[in-house]
Amino acid sequence: MSVRLTRFQPKTRGIAKLLTLPELEKDIGERALRIADAVEAAGIQVERGKSRKDIPVTVTIATSPERVRARVILDHPAGQAVEAKYGILAASIDAAS
């Protein structure tokens, strides 16, 4: 039995076209929103003035000529500290599947 090795050379234009499809944008957007919902469901609160509020979560979905991208952001000055302490974004990534 012989094995023949071949190199795979992807067509970059074809891949770029796939990465900007409207269906992909919709899918990635829905996944980002599910992650945001999971973060909000955790009920982590931060101080706002004299009261405590749920940490605000912002979702942005952008399409560039190269790809579609989504960001889920803890939109508060304490967002990095909250992520360092609770790891809530990392823990919520399973909600995207």
Protein backbone atom coordinates (compact mmCIF):
# COMPACT_ATOMS: atom_id res chain seq x y z
CA MET A 1 0.00 0.00 0.00
CA SER A 2 1.33 3.42 -0.87
CA VAL A 3 0.40 6.79 0.50
CA ARG A 4 0.43 9.84 -1.65
CA LEU A 5 0.85 13.20 0.05
CA THR A 6 -0.68 16.29 -1.47
CA ARG A 7 -0.47 19.87 -0.36
CA PHE A 8 -3.66 21.71 0.37
CA GLN A 9 -3.61 25.25 -0.96
CA PRO A 10 -6.79 27.09 -0.09
CA LYS A 11 -8.18 29.67 -2.45
CA THR A 12 -8.01 32.84 -0.39
CA ARG A 13 -10.72 34.62 -2.38
CA GLY A 14 -13.09 31.73 -1.83
CA ILE A 15 -12.39 31.64 1.90
CA ALA A 16 -12.79 35.42 2.14
CA LYS A 17 -16.14 35.10 0.39
CA LEU A 18 -17.24 32.45 2.90
CA LEU A 19 -16.14 34.57 5.86
CA THR A 20 -18.36 37.47 4.77
CA LEU A 21 -21.58 35.60 3.96
CA PRO A 22 -24.76 37.10 5.46
CA GLU A 23 -25.65 33.66 6.87
CA LEU A 24 -22.34 33.60 8.77
CA GLU A 25 -22.98 37.10 10.09
CA LYS A 26 -26.39 35.99 11.36
CA ASP A 27 -24.95 32.85 12.98
CA ILE A 28 -22.06 34.64 14.67
CA GLY A 29 -24.41 37.39 15.85
CA GLU A 30 -26.79 34.86 17.41
CA ARG A 31 -23.88 33.13 19.14
CA ALA A 32 -22.61 36.43 20.54
CA LEU A 33 -26.09 37.26 21.86
CA ARG A 34 -26.32 33.85 23.57
CA ILE A 35 -22.98 34.52 25.28
CA ALA A 36 -24.23 37.95 26.40
CA ASP A 37 -27.44 36.38 27.75
CA ALA A 38 -25.39 33.85 29.73
CA VAL A 39 -23.24 36.65 31.19
CA GLU A 40 -26.32 38.65 32.18
CA ALA A 41 -27.94 35.55 33.69
CA ALA A 42 -24.97 35.19 36.04
CA GLY A 43 -26.21 38.32 37.82
CA ILE A 44 -22.80 39.85 38.57
CA GLN A 45 -23.23 43.36 39.90
CA VAL A 46 -20.98 46.42 39.97
CA GLU A 47 -21.27 49.74 41.73
CA ARG A 48 -22.82 52.65 39.89
CA GLY A 49 -22.70 55.69 42.10
CA LYS A 50 -24.31 54.70 45.39
CA SER A 51 -26.22 51.71 44.04
CA ARG A 52 -25.36 48.32 42.56
CA LYS A 53 -26.42 47.35 39.04
CA ASP A 54 -25.94 44.32 36.83
CA ILE A 55 -22.77 44.68 34.82
CA PRO A 56 -23.66 46.05 31.38
CA VAL A 57 -22.86 43.78 28.45
CA THR A 58 -22.47 45.17 24.93
CA VAL A 59 -22.54 43.09 21.75
CA THR A 60 -21.18 44.51 18.50
CA ILE A 61 -21.31 42.73 15.17
CA ALA A 62 -19.18 44.07 12.33
CA THR A 63 -18.48 43.00 8.79
CA SER A 64 -15.28 43.98 7.04
CA PRO A 65 -14.14 42.99 3.56
CA GLU A 66 -12.15 40.15 5.14
CA ARG A 67 -14.55 38.68 7.70
CA VAL A 68 -17.46 38.95 10.07
CA ARG A 69 -16.68 39.54 13.72
CA ALA A 70 -18.63 39.84 16.94
CA ARG A 71 -17.51 41.23 20.28
CA VAL A 72 -19.07 40.68 23.68
CA ILE A 73 -17.82 43.35 26.06
CA LEU A 74 -18.29 43.93 29.78
CA ASP A 75 -19.04 47.61 29.27
CA HIS A 76 -17.96 49.03 32.60
CA PRO A 77 -14.67 50.38 33.95
CA ALA A 78 -14.54 47.38 36.28
CA GLY A 79 -15.07 44.95 33.39
CA GLN A 80 -11.49 43.68 33.38
CA ALA A 81 -11.52 43.16 37.13
CA VAL A 82 -14.85 41.31 36.91
CA GLU A 83 -13.46 39.03 34.19
CA ALA A 84 -10.27 38.44 36.20
CA LYS A 85 -12.25 37.57 39.34
CA TYR A 86 -15.14 35.56 37.88
CA GLY A 87 -13.99 34.59 34.37
CA ILE A 88 -17.57 35.13 33.29
CA LEU A 89 -16.91 35.65 29.57
CA ALA A 90 -14.69 32.59 29.40
CA ALA A 91 -17.23 30.56 31.35
CA SER A 92 -20.07 31.68 29.06
CA ILE A 93 -18.40 30.66 25.81
CA ASP A 94 -20.20 27.30 25.88
CA ALA A 95 -23.47 29.17 25.38
CA ALA A 96 -22.34 29.92 21.83
CA SER A 97 -22.53 26.31 20.73
